[in-house]
Amino acid sequence: MTAYRTESDSLGTVAVPADKLWGAQTQRALNLFDIGTDPMPAEMVEAYAILKKACARANLGAEQLPRQAHDLIVRVCDELLSGDHADMFPLPVWISGSGTQFNMNVNEVISNRCSQLTDRPLGSKEPVHPNDHVNRCQSTNDNFPSAMYMAAAMGVVRDLLPITREFADSLSSHAEAWKNIVKIGRTHMQDATPLTLGQEFSGYAGLIDDNIVRIEAALEDVYKLPLGGTAVGTGINTYPGFDRDAVGHIVDLTGLPFVPAPNKFTVQGSHDALVHLSASLKTLANALYKIACDIRLLACGPRAGLAELILPANEPGSSIMPGKVNPTQAEALTMVALQVMAADQAVTLGGSGGMLEMNVYKPLMIHNLLQSIRNLSGAMRAFKVNLLDGLTANHDRIADLLSRSLMLVTALNPAIGYENAAKIALHAHRNGLTLKQSALELQLVSEADFDRIVDPQKMV
């Protein structure tokens, strides 16, 4: 049978499992919010550990915190940052819209671990109190959104942007390697004038490069932390300069250019910075969806489709059709892209829920945002390593399709006019002729002029 200890909060006593580091308020939340299976993101534990450590340092420097309390808080925060006690954060996403229970979960775990380290009983709140010490100069209303912004920024900078740059580089390397492979272009899913396979892939690389710029621009507002605003943005119960001191320590601990938000009322009443960041992730997802779909289409076949590209044969593609190779990496990436687009809608709706001095959809927003960062990073990495890097061009197929395209006739427009060029194309199509055969049969251009003008290499 599970053993329990008794802990207390302002509402009375609560039975808490004896082997757990959380306290009364966390246990109440577990009882009250048994909703779904989505845990509060682990990235929020890391962000909170950094934030609590930074606040302890700031409070020590301002003589707001005893040295012993500071040292113990910092020690426990370092344990959390090392991955210790991860199972002591059991709350789901679906709690208070402010995230209060999660903030208290962090406060209680730190407090109880400090008690454990000093041979005090769990729940004694000695020598470190969860509110008076761990939460000093803070409110959930400013530290939860600060942790949200920190977690989002760290995820983007550490995980998403590096793989996005690698993804763009892989596309660029193909663009360079294939710059002389002339192929038929397609618009409206119909044959169009030629371009090179390298030019086609340079367009894909440009899409990703542009999205990197957008994401980096969106981060500028995410770096503005509301920490120091406490309950409603006024900074009640902080000392003058706390926001500057605490955020300065966060900068030291993360290496990222966080700054105190110049207007705490702006960033506590609304979280438009996260809405903007989510929108930039959605735009990246749009680009990835297009790229994956194009590659999947160009590789369709191998004998009854376009088959201009050859996919790496990573795995058997069918349980019944031997030898089949399927574009599974493209399918995974497109599914992730659609999920990111859907998650952005949740972030957008949550972001619109700023009510007076506080937004009450914080856990919803950060759950969806971090999921998108995680999923995009993983899907792009898998696609790059398992498909993109090993993608090859089917030179024979590309040349064959190019030679049979009717749209090469476009090059004749300046010489014989649009109407006559159209006659050549239609006559060739209806009678199963090549363009050259059609042109000579209709006597609209000489053989020498046709060979000189209709040169795919000159059309790109």
Protein backbone atom coordinates (compact mmCIF):
# COMPACT_ATOMS: atom_id res chain seq x y z
CA MET A 1 0.00 0.00 0.00
CA THR A 2 1.12 3.55 -0.76
CA ALA A 3 2.34 5.47 2.27
CA TYR A 4 1.28 9.08 2.65
CA ARG A 5 2.42 12.14 4.53
CA THR A 6 0.31 15.14 5.41
CA GLU A 7 1.14 18.51 3.89
CA SER A 8 -0.73 21.78 4.25
CA ASP A 9 -1.53 24.88 2.25
CA SER A 10 -3.79 27.86 2.88
CA LEU A 11 -6.91 25.72 2.44
CA GLY A 12 -5.92 23.01 4.89
CA THR A 13 -4.22 19.63 4.85
CA VAL A 14 -3.70 17.20 1.95
CA ALA A 15 -2.42 13.63 1.86
CA VAL A 16 0.62 13.41 -0.42
CA PRO A 17 2.41 10.16 -1.38
CA ALA A 18 5.34 9.89 1.01
CA ASP A 19 7.94 9.29 -1.71
CA LYS A 20 7.01 12.34 -3.81
CA LEU A 21 8.71 15.72 -3.70
CA TRP A 22 5.65 17.70 -4.67
CA GLY A 23 3.41 19.21 -2.03
CA ALA A 24 -0.16 20.06 -1.15
CA GLN A 25 -1.03 22.36 -4.05
CA THR A 26 0.34 19.96 -6.65
CA GLN A 27 -1.60 17.10 -5.09
CA ARG A 28 -4.79 19.14 -5.09
CA ALA A 29 -4.26 19.84 -8.78
CA LEU A 30 -3.74 16.14 -9.52
CA ASN A 31 -7.07 15.42 -7.85
CA LEU A 32 -8.88 18.29 -9.53
CA PHE A 33 -7.47 18.10 -13.07
CA ASP A 34 -7.43 14.44 -14.08
CA ILE A 35 -7.77 15.43 -17.72
CA GLY A 36 -6.24 13.68 -20.71
CA THR A 37 -2.75 12.29 -21.12
CA ASP A 38 -0.86 15.41 -22.24
CA PRO A 39 1.85 16.20 -19.67
CA MET A 40 3.12 19.70 -19.10
CA PRO A 41 6.07 19.99 -21.52
CA ALA A 42 9.41 18.90 -20.08
CA GLU A 43 10.92 22.04 -21.64
CA MET A 44 8.95 24.06 -19.09
CA VAL A 45 10.73 22.29 -16.23
CA GLU A 46 14.06 23.30 -17.72
CA ALA A 47 12.92 26.88 -18.28
CA TYR A 48 11.56 27.14 -14.76
CA ALA A 49 14.75 25.72 -13.26
CA ILE A 50 16.77 28.39 -15.04
CA LEU A 51 14.28 31.08 -14.03
CA LYS A 52 14.20 30.05 -10.34
CA LYS A 53 17.99 29.89 -10.26
CA ALA A 54 18.22 33.35 -11.82
CA CYS A 55 15.70 34.79 -9.39
CA ALA A 56 17.57 33.30 -6.43
CA ARG A 57 20.78 34.90 -7.64
CA ALA A 58 19.07 38.26 -8.10
CA ASN A 59 17.45 38.10 -4.67
CA LEU A 60 20.73 37.14 -3.02
CA GLY A 61 22.49 40.08 -4.66
CA ALA A 62 19.80 42.43 -3.40
CA GLU A 63 19.91 40.90 0.10
CA GLN A 64 16.37 39.63 -0.34
CA LEU A 65 17.28 35.97 0.24
CA PRO A 66 19.42 34.25 2.89
CA ARG A 67 22.64 32.70 1.61
CA GLN A 68 21.61 29.20 2.71
CA ALA A 69 18.29 29.41 0.88
CA HIS A 70 20.05 30.69 -2.23
CA ASP A 71 22.65 27.94 -2.23
CA LEU A 72 20.05 25.22 -1.74
CA ILE A 73 17.72 26.59 -4.44
CA VAL A 74 20.59 26.82 -6.91
CA ARG A 75 21.72 23.30 -6.09
CA VAL A 76 18.27 21.84 -6.66
CA CYS A 77 17.79 23.84 -9.86
CA ASP A 78 21.05 22.37 -11.13
CA GLU A 79 19.72 18.91 -10.32
CA LEU A 80 16.61 19.66 -12.34
CA LEU A 81 18.70 20.91 -15.23
CA SER A 82 20.63 17.63 -15.11
CA GLY A 83 17.37 15.74 -15.57
CA ASP A 84 16.95 14.65 -11.97
CA HIS A 85 13.46 14.45 -10.41
CA ALA A 86 11.73 14.54 -13.81
CA ASP A 87 9.00 12.29 -12.46
CA MET A 88 8.08 14.85 -9.83
CA PHE A 89 6.22 17.03 -12.35
CA PRO A 90 3.04 15.00 -12.98
CA LEU A 91 0.56 17.73 -13.90
CA PRO A 92 -1.25 17.72 -17.23
CA VAL A 93 -1.43 20.64 -19.63
CA TRP A 94 -5.08 21.11 -18.77
CA ILE A 95 -4.88 23.02 -15.50
CA SER A 96 -5.46 26.65 -14.61
CA GLY A 97 -5.07 28.94 -17.61
CA SER A 98 -2.42 30.89 -15.71
CA GLY A 99 -0.31 27.79 -14.99
CA THR A 100 -0.41 28.48 -11.23
CA GLN A 101 -0.43 24.82 -10.24
CA PHE A 102 2.67 24.12 -12.31
CA ASN A 103 4.55 27.06 -10.81
CA MET A 104 3.67 25.74 -7.37
CA ASN A 105 4.69 22.24 -8.44
CA VAL A 106 8.15 23.63 -9.19
CA ASN A 107 8.22 25.64 -5.97
CA GLU A 108 7.19 22.65 -3.87
CA VAL A 109 9.65 20.24 -5.46
CA ILE A 110 12.51 22.68 -4.90
CA SER A 111 11.41 23.36 -1.32
CA ASN A 112 11.00 19.69 -0.44
CA ARG A 113 14.28 18.71 -2.06
CA CYS A 114 15.97 21.45 0.00
CA SER A 115 14.38 19.94 3.12
CA GLN A 116 15.64 16.52 2.06
CA LEU A 117 19.17 17.83 1.54
CA THR A 118 19.21 19.32 5.04
CA ASP A 119 17.65 16.30 6.77
CA ARG A 120 14.34 18.09 7.41
CA PRO A 121 10.95 16.38 6.97
CA LEU A 122 9.30 16.69 3.57
CA GLY A 123 6.54 19.26 3.81
CA SER A 124 8.24 21.17 6.60
CA LYS A 125 9.02 24.05 4.20
CA GLU A 126 12.31 24.46 6.02
CA PRO A 127 14.85 25.85 5.46
CA VAL A 128 13.40 26.91 2.09
CA HIS A 129 9.76 27.97 1.78
CA PRO A 130 8.08 27.42 -1.62
CA ASN A 131 6.44 30.86 -1.68
CA ASP A 132 8.61 33.06 0.52
CA HIS A 133 11.93 31.88 -0.91
CA VAL A 134 11.57 29.97 -4.19
CA ASN A 135 8.82 32.27 -5.48
CA ARG A 136 10.27 35.49 -4.05
CA CYS A 137 9.66 38.59 -6.20
CA GLN A 138 7.51 36.52 -8.55
CA SER A 139 3.93 35.67 -9.44
CA THR A 140 2.78 32.89 -11.70
CA ASN A 141 1.38 35.70 -13.83
CA ASP A 142 4.87 36.87 -14.76
CA ASN A 143 7.06 33.80 -14.26
CA PHE A 144 4.91 31.31 -16.22
CA PRO A 145 4.84 33.44 -19.39
CA SER A 146 8.55 34.15 -18.89
CA ALA A 147 9.19 30.41 -18.75
CA MET A 148 7.02 29.98 -21.85
CA TYR A 149 9.05 32.53 -23.77
CA MET A 150 12.30 31.00 -22.56
CA ALA A 151 11.29 27.45 -23.47
CA ALA A 152 10.11 28.53 -26.91
CA ALA A 153 13.24 30.54 -27.65
CA MET A 154 15.58 27.81 -26.42
CA GLY A 155 13.75 25.20 -28.49
CA VAL A 156 13.93 27.30 -31.63
CA VAL A 157 17.57 28.33 -31.23
CA ARG A 158 18.94 24.99 -30.05
CA ASP A 159 16.86 22.55 -32.08
CA LEU A 160 14.76 24.06 -34.84
CA LEU A 161 17.03 26.65 -36.44
CA PRO A 162 20.12 24.37 -36.70
CA ILE A 163 18.25 21.60 -38.54
CA THR A 164 16.42 24.16 -40.67
CA ARG A 165 19.77 25.56 -41.80
CA GLU A 166 21.05 22.05 -42.50
CA PHE A 167 17.87 21.35 -44.46
CA ALA A 168 18.41 24.47 -46.57
CA ASP A 169 22.07 23.54 -47.12
CA SER A 170 21.09 20.09 -48.38
CA LEU A 171 18.65 21.63 -50.84
CA SER A 172 21.32 24.11 -51.94
CA SER A 173 23.84 21.33 -52.52
CA HIS A 174 21.38 19.59 -54.83
CA ALA A 175 20.71 22.89 -56.60
CA GLU A 176 24.43 23.26 -57.28
CA ALA A 177 24.97 19.63 -58.30
CA TRP A 178 22.01 19.67 -60.69
CA LYS A 179 22.46 23.14 -62.18
CA ASN A 180 23.11 21.75 -65.68
CA ILE A 181 20.32 19.15 -65.79
CA VAL A 182 17.70 20.67 -68.08
CA LYS A 183 14.17 19.36 -67.50
CA ILE A 184 10.67 20.26 -68.43
CA GLY A 185 8.90 22.69 -66.15
CA ARG A 186 5.28 22.31 -65.15
CA THR A 187 2.57 24.83 -64.32
CA HIS A 188 -1.06 23.91 -63.57
CA MET A 189 0.29 20.32 -63.45
CA GLN A 190 0.81 20.57 -67.22
CA ASP A 191 3.98 20.79 -69.31
CA ALA A 192 5.61 24.22 -69.40
CA THR A 193 8.91 25.68 -70.57
CA PRO A 194 12.22 24.15 -69.43
CA LEU A 195 14.31 24.96 -66.41
CA THR A 196 17.12 23.11 -64.72
CA LEU A 197 16.61 20.70 -61.87
CA GLY A 198 19.08 22.89 -59.99
CA GLN A 199 16.91 25.95 -60.52
CA GLU A 200 13.90 24.02 -59.25
CA PHE A 201 15.74 23.03 -56.08
CA SER A 202 17.16 26.52 -55.63
CA GLY A 203 13.55 27.63 -55.24
CA TYR A 204 13.09 25.13 -52.44
CA ALA A 205 16.29 26.27 -50.74
CA GLY A 206 15.11 29.86 -51.01
CA LEU A 207 11.84 28.99 -49.31
CA ILE A 208 13.66 27.60 -46.29
CA ASP A 209 16.16 30.49 -46.21
CA ASP A 210 13.29 32.98 -46.16
CA ASN A 211 11.59 31.10 -43.33
CA ILE A 212 14.78 31.17 -41.27
CA VAL A 213 14.75 34.97 -41.56
CA ARG A 214 11.08 35.08 -40.50
CA ILE A 215 11.65 32.87 -37.46
CA GLU A 216 14.68 34.87 -36.36
CA ALA A 217 12.66 38.07 -36.66
CA ALA A 218 9.81 36.56 -34.61
CA LEU A 219 12.26 35.68 -31.84
CA GLU A 220 13.02 39.34 -31.21
CA ASP A 221 9.74 39.82 -29.34
CA VAL A 222 9.98 36.42 -27.63
CA TYR A 223 13.20 37.61 -25.97
CA LYS A 224 11.21 40.29 -24.08
CA LEU A 225 10.37 38.68 -20.74
CA PRO A 226 7.57 39.81 -18.43
CA LEU A 227 9.50 38.70 -15.34
CA GLY A 228 9.28 41.39 -12.68
CA GLY A 229 5.70 42.37 -13.43
CA THR A 230 4.36 39.98 -10.74
CA ALA A 231 0.56 39.90 -10.38
CA VAL A 232 -0.71 42.48 -12.87
CA GLY A 233 2.39 44.14 -14.32
CA THR A 234 3.06 46.72 -11.60
CA GLY A 235 5.91 44.74 -10.03
CA ILE A 236 4.35 44.67 -6.57
CA ASN A 237 6.52 42.81 -3.99
CA THR A 238 9.72 43.14 -6.01
CA TYR A 239 12.65 45.40 -5.29
CA PRO A 240 13.60 48.15 -7.78
CA GLY A 241 15.66 46.63 -10.60
CA PHE A 242 14.67 43.02 -9.92
CA ASP A 243 13.59 42.47 -13.53
CA ARG A 244 16.93 43.73 -14.82
CA ASP A 245 18.92 41.63 -12.35
CA ALA A 246 16.92 38.41 -12.83
CA VAL A 247 16.82 38.62 -16.61
CA GLY A 248 20.54 39.39 -16.64
CA HIS A 249 21.16 36.10 -14.84
CA ILE A 250 18.86 34.32 -17.33
CA VAL A 251 21.01 35.70 -20.14
CA ASP A 252 24.14 34.38 -18.41
CA LEU A 253 22.57 30.94 -17.95
CA THR A 254 21.11 30.56 -21.46
CA GLY A 255 23.40 32.61 -23.66
CA LEU A 256 20.34 34.09 -25.33
CA PRO A 257 19.61 37.84 -25.58
CA PHE A 258 16.63 38.04 -23.25
CA VAL A 259 15.67 41.49 -21.97
CA PRO A 260 13.10 42.78 -19.48
CA ALA A 261 9.96 43.68 -21.39
CA PRO A 262 9.73 47.48 -21.42
CA ASN A 263 5.97 47.33 -20.77
CA LYS A 264 4.94 44.51 -18.46
CA PHE A 265 1.24 45.22 -19.00
CA THR A 266 1.67 44.50 -22.71
CA VAL A 267 3.30 41.10 -22.29
CA GLN A 268 1.21 39.91 -19.36
CA GLY A 269 -2.19 40.86 -20.74
CA SER A 270 -1.40 39.27 -24.09
CA HIS A 271 1.16 36.90 -25.60
CA ASP A 272 1.31 38.18 -29.14
CA ALA A 273 5.00 37.31 -29.35
CA LEU A 274 4.11 33.63 -29.13
CA VAL A 275 1.27 34.04 -31.62
CA HIS A 276 3.75 35.62 -34.03
CA LEU A 277 6.32 32.88 -33.47
CA SER A 278 3.67 30.21 -34.02
CA ALA A 279 2.66 31.90 -37.26
CA SER A 280 6.27 31.78 -38.45
CA LEU A 281 6.35 28.05 -37.68
CA LYS A 282 3.14 27.62 -39.66
CA THR A 283 4.74 29.42 -42.61
CA LEU A 284 7.74 27.10 -42.40
CA ALA A 285 5.32 24.16 -42.31
CA ASN A 286 3.65 25.49 -45.47
CA ALA A 287 7.00 25.55 -47.25
CA LEU A 288 7.94 22.07 -46.05
CA TYR A 289 4.58 20.72 -47.18
CA LYS A 290 5.11 22.12 -50.67
CA ILE A 291 8.67 20.80 -50.90
CA ALA A 292 7.77 17.31 -49.66
CA CYS A 293 4.77 17.11 -51.99
CA ASP A 294 6.82 18.25 -54.99
CA ILE A 295 9.57 15.74 -54.33
CA ARG A 296 7.02 12.98 -53.78
CA LEU A 297 5.35 13.88 -57.10
CA LEU A 298 8.60 14.13 -59.07
CA ALA A 299 9.63 10.73 -57.70
CA CYS A 300 6.34 8.97 -58.38
CA GLY A 301 6.75 5.82 -60.41
CA PRO A 302 9.17 4.22 -60.93
CA ARG A 303 7.71 3.29 -64.34
CA ALA A 304 4.20 4.69 -64.46
CA GLY A 305 4.82 8.15 -63.05
CA LEU A 306 7.09 11.15 -63.55
CA ALA A 307 10.09 9.35 -62.03
CA GLU A 308 12.43 12.29 -62.49
CA LEU A 309 13.81 11.75 -58.99
CA ILE A 310 14.86 8.49 -57.34
CA LEU A 311 14.15 8.06 -53.64
CA PRO A 312 16.48 6.16 -51.32
CA ALA A 313 15.15 2.64 -50.73
CA ASN A 314 14.99 2.78 -46.94
CA GLU A 315 12.43 0.07 -46.25
CA PRO A 316 10.01 -2.35 -47.88
CA GLY A 317 7.08 -0.28 -49.04
CA SER A 318 4.29 -2.80 -49.03
CA SER A 319 3.15 -5.85 -47.13
CA ILE A 320 1.81 -7.40 -50.34
CA MET A 321 3.68 -5.82 -53.30
CA PRO A 322 7.33 -6.95 -53.39
CA GLY A 323 9.98 -4.41 -54.35
CA LYS A 324 7.80 -1.37 -53.72
CA VAL A 325 9.48 1.80 -52.40
CA ASN A 326 7.19 4.40 -50.86
CA PRO A 327 7.82 8.09 -50.06
CA THR A 328 7.31 7.53 -46.34
CA GLN A 329 9.57 10.37 -45.24
CA ALA A 330 7.56 12.78 -47.37
CA GLU A 331 4.37 11.45 -45.82
CA ALA A 332 5.70 11.92 -42.30
CA LEU A 333 6.88 15.46 -43.04
CA THR A 334 3.58 16.46 -44.63
CA MET A 335 1.61 15.07 -41.70
CA VAL A 336 3.77 17.04 -39.28
CA ALA A 337 3.30 20.15 -41.42
CA LEU A 338 -0.49 19.78 -41.23
CA GLN A 339 -0.31 19.23 -37.48
CA VAL A 340 1.75 22.42 -37.09
CA MET A 341 -0.81 24.36 -39.11
CA ALA A 342 -3.57 23.02 -36.84
CA ALA A 343 -1.55 23.75 -33.69
CA ASP A 344 -1.08 27.33 -34.86
CA GLN A 345 -4.85 27.74 -34.85
CA ALA A 346 -4.94 26.67 -31.20
CA VAL A 347 -2.13 29.11 -30.34
CA THR A 348 -3.92 31.88 -32.23
CA LEU A 349 -7.20 31.27 -30.43
CA GLY A 350 -5.41 30.99 -27.10
CA GLY A 351 -3.53 34.19 -27.77
CA SER A 352 -6.80 36.02 -28.36
CA GLY A 353 -7.88 35.12 -24.82
CA GLY A 354 -6.09 37.91 -22.99
CA MET A 355 -8.63 39.07 -20.43
CA LEU A 356 -7.85 42.39 -18.80
CA GLU A 357 -4.45 41.99 -17.11
CA MET A 358 -3.80 38.30 -17.86
CA ASN A 359 -4.11 35.72 -20.60
CA VAL A 360 -5.70 32.51 -19.27
CA TYR A 361 -4.75 30.10 -22.07
CA LYS A 362 -1.04 29.86 -21.32
CA PRO A 363 -0.67 26.06 -20.98
CA LEU A 364 -2.65 25.51 -24.18
CA MET A 365 -0.41 27.92 -26.07
CA ILE A 366 2.93 26.59 -24.90
CA HIS A 367 1.84 22.95 -25.27
CA ASN A 368 1.03 23.47 -28.94
CA LEU A 369 3.99 25.73 -29.64
CA LEU A 370 6.58 23.41 -28.14
CA GLN A 371 4.98 20.41 -29.83
CA SER A 372 5.37 22.20 -33.17
CA ILE A 373 9.01 23.04 -32.49
CA ARG A 374 9.67 19.44 -31.47
CA ASN A 375 7.81 17.88 -34.39
CA LEU A 376 9.27 20.19 -37.02
CA SER A 377 12.80 19.59 -35.76
CA GLY A 378 12.39 15.82 -35.77
CA ALA A 379 10.57 15.58 -39.09
CA MET A 380 13.04 17.83 -40.89
CA ARG A 381 15.97 15.86 -39.51
CA ALA A 382 14.45 12.54 -40.55
CA PHE A 383 13.55 13.84 -44.01
CA LYS A 384 16.99 15.32 -44.59
CA VAL A 385 18.97 12.28 -43.42
CA ASN A 386 16.73 9.54 -44.80
CA LEU A 387 15.50 11.10 -48.04
CA LEU A 388 16.93 14.44 -49.07
CA ASP A 389 20.63 13.68 -48.68
CA GLY A 390 20.27 10.45 -50.67
CA LEU A 391 17.99 11.82 -53.39
CA THR A 392 19.25 11.27 -56.96
CA ALA A 393 18.23 12.50 -60.40
CA ASN A 394 16.97 10.12 -63.08
CA HIS A 395 18.92 11.60 -65.99
CA ASP A 396 17.47 9.34 -68.71
CA ARG A 397 13.88 9.94 -67.68
CA ILE A 398 14.39 13.70 -67.43
CA ALA A 399 15.96 13.82 -70.90
CA ASP A 400 13.20 11.67 -72.40
CA LEU A 401 10.39 13.82 -71.00
CA LEU A 402 12.18 16.98 -72.08
CA SER A 403 12.60 15.75 -75.64
CA ARG A 404 8.89 14.92 -75.94
CA SER A 405 7.56 18.15 -74.47
CA LEU A 406 5.39 20.30 -76.70
CA MET A 407 6.09 23.44 -74.71
CA LEU A 408 9.54 23.80 -76.20
CA VAL A 409 7.61 25.42 -79.03
CA THR A 410 7.45 28.56 -76.88
CA ALA A 411 10.93 29.46 -78.08
CA LEU A 412 9.50 29.92 -81.60
CA ASN A 413 7.10 32.69 -80.53
CA PRO A 414 9.48 35.60 -81.35
CA ALA A 415 10.33 34.11 -84.75
CA ILE A 416 6.97 32.96 -86.13
CA GLY A 417 4.40 34.35 -83.67
CA TYR A 418 2.20 32.81 -81.00
CA GLU A 419 -0.52 31.60 -83.39
CA ASN A 420 1.83 29.73 -85.69
CA ALA A 421 3.71 28.23 -82.75
CA ALA A 422 0.40 27.03 -81.32
CA LYS A 423 -0.44 25.38 -84.67
CA ILE A 424 2.83 23.43 -84.53
CA ALA A 425 2.19 22.24 -80.97
CA LEU A 426 -1.42 21.20 -81.62
CA HIS A 427 -0.57 19.48 -84.91
CA ALA A 428 2.23 17.55 -83.21
CA HIS A 429 -0.02 16.48 -80.35
CA ARG A 430 -2.94 15.39 -82.55
CA ASN A 431 -0.79 13.45 -84.96
CA GLY A 432 1.80 11.95 -82.62
CA LEU A 433 4.65 13.92 -84.14
CA THR A 434 7.67 15.59 -82.64
CA LEU A 435 7.69 19.38 -82.67
CA LYS A 436 10.31 19.38 -85.38
CA GLN A 437 8.35 17.00 -87.56
CA SER A 438 5.23 19.11 -87.10
CA ALA A 439 7.00 22.38 -87.86
CA LEU A 440 8.52 21.05 -91.06
CA GLU A 441 5.28 19.41 -92.16
CA LEU A 442 3.42 22.69 -91.72
CA GLN A 443 6.30 24.57 -93.41
CA LEU A 444 6.24 27.26 -90.74
CA VAL A 445 9.98 27.25 -90.05
CA SER A 446 13.09 25.86 -91.71
CA GLU A 447 14.97 22.92 -90.26
CA ALA A 448 18.04 25.07 -89.68
CA ASP A 449 16.05 27.74 -87.87
CA PHE A 450 14.21 25.15 -85.80
CA ASP A 451 17.47 23.54 -84.65
CA ARG A 452 18.93 26.96 -83.85
CA ILE A 453 15.93 28.32 -81.96
CA VAL A 454 14.45 25.31 -80.19
CA ASP A 455 17.40 24.54 -77.95
CA PRO A 456 16.40 23.65 -74.35
CA GLN A 457 19.82 24.67 -73.04
CA LYS A 458 19.16 28.22 -74.24
CA MET A 459 15.69 28.32 -72.71
CA VAL A 460 16.67 28.13 -69.04
